[in-house]
Amino acid sequence: MPVALPSSLRSYLAEPSVADPPARVGRDWFLLGLISIAAILETVLRTDPDWVGLSLWWRVGALIVFFVSAPPAIMFRRTRPLAATLWAFAPSIIFGAAVARAEGVFGGLSTTAVILVVPYALYRWGSGRDGAVGAVVLLVAAVTGFLTDPTVTLSDWIGGLIFLSIPVEVGLIVRYRDVAKRRAVAEVQSREREQLARELHDTVAHHVSAIALQAQGGRALAETDPQRALAVLAVIEDAASRTLSEMRAMVGTLRAGADLAPQQGVGDLHRLAREVGGGVPVEVDIADDLGPIGAAIDAALFRIAQESITNAVRHARRASVIVVTVEHADTCVRLTVADDGEPSGAQSERGFGILGMTERAHLLGGSLTAGPAHGRGWRVCADLPRSGGHR
């Protein structure tokens, strides 16, 4: 009869490895160089009686085992966490047991403790099944080391197991914090796509309704006034082209449950500035030569400005003004929202707001940057194409 596992354990065992872990970074090479020097110095300078009592061959063997096990394990601990764990612990445990059997003491370098970064990497980057196998490997390594060392006491057992569990716990904590952050980012992106889908739905519905009305009028005029019917066809063609443009922006962004909501655009920014609370005045400057803007872009400019103003009111300390500028820039429309305040340091909330704005800009084929302004304050700049299109 199969054993029923707790749901939390089943969920952990089903977890895949973290996608695209960093293979090797600069600090890995620094760590490898540092511990290599430390291992050599320990081999030469260590003076405790157990170490000095070993023959030269055992001491050199301990150094060789270190260089065989530790460097490969450290360098491949993220991309091959389970294999790195096996490689890190097996040689040192086997060598230590051999020394204990021959000399009566557990031989090995203290520097080898650096391999504890490997259990951290196993639970930070490995799959759930890798973690389960790794737990057995770590437990066997600990028990073997304790049993083959005649000097180990009960307190050493307890302290050693606690010490070995620390990198495991830290790895799991960092892993699940990262998972929670990724989920929060995904939720922000999903909400932004949903909001954009509602606005695009409203725009396309308007265009299709206009096409239907023009088609009905054209059919009525076809027999009595063919020239006017042709003019109606031209209107229909233009409306259909605009509808197709909006539909391209909608593809891939529509989400279930999207309801109809009235859209607001650049023309509503002056009203938005008057309604902003918080005691910070908002100045709006809209270029006279802005020209025609697609409905989806118009709504996106308003939403980005609204979010940027809200962030400035919340996070910019001692700001005297928030300036919103909408202008023509080559083939794009550029929105800039800048304040002259001091950042409050609450970057996490502001960061998620920026994430949503960036997602919206990218979906429409544009770009968005946000960061400290030159000298003082915070600046958000979005460049959006005039008609909008799915990226």
Foldseek 3Di string as FASTA:
>chain_A
DDDDDPPVLVVQQPFAFDPPDDQDDPVLVVVVVVLLVVLVCCLVPPDDPVSVPDDNVLSVVQSVLLVQQPSVLSRGLQVCLLVNLCSLQVSLLVSQLVCCVVPVARDHDPSSVVSLLSLLNCLQGHGSNSNVVSVVVVVVSLVSSQVSGPVDDPVNSVVVVVVSCVSNVNSNVNNVVVVVVVVLLVVLLLVLLLVLLQQLVQQLVVLVVLLVVLVVVLVVCCVPPVVVSVVSVVVSVVSVVLNVLSVQLNPPRHDPPRDHDDAAFPVCVVVVQVPDDLPAHEAEAEDPPADAFASSVRRLLVLLQNLLVVCCSPFFPPWRYWYWYWDDDVQWIKIKIKIFGAGNPPVPVVVSSVSSSQSSQQSQVWGKDKDADPPGTIMIMIIGGRSTGGD
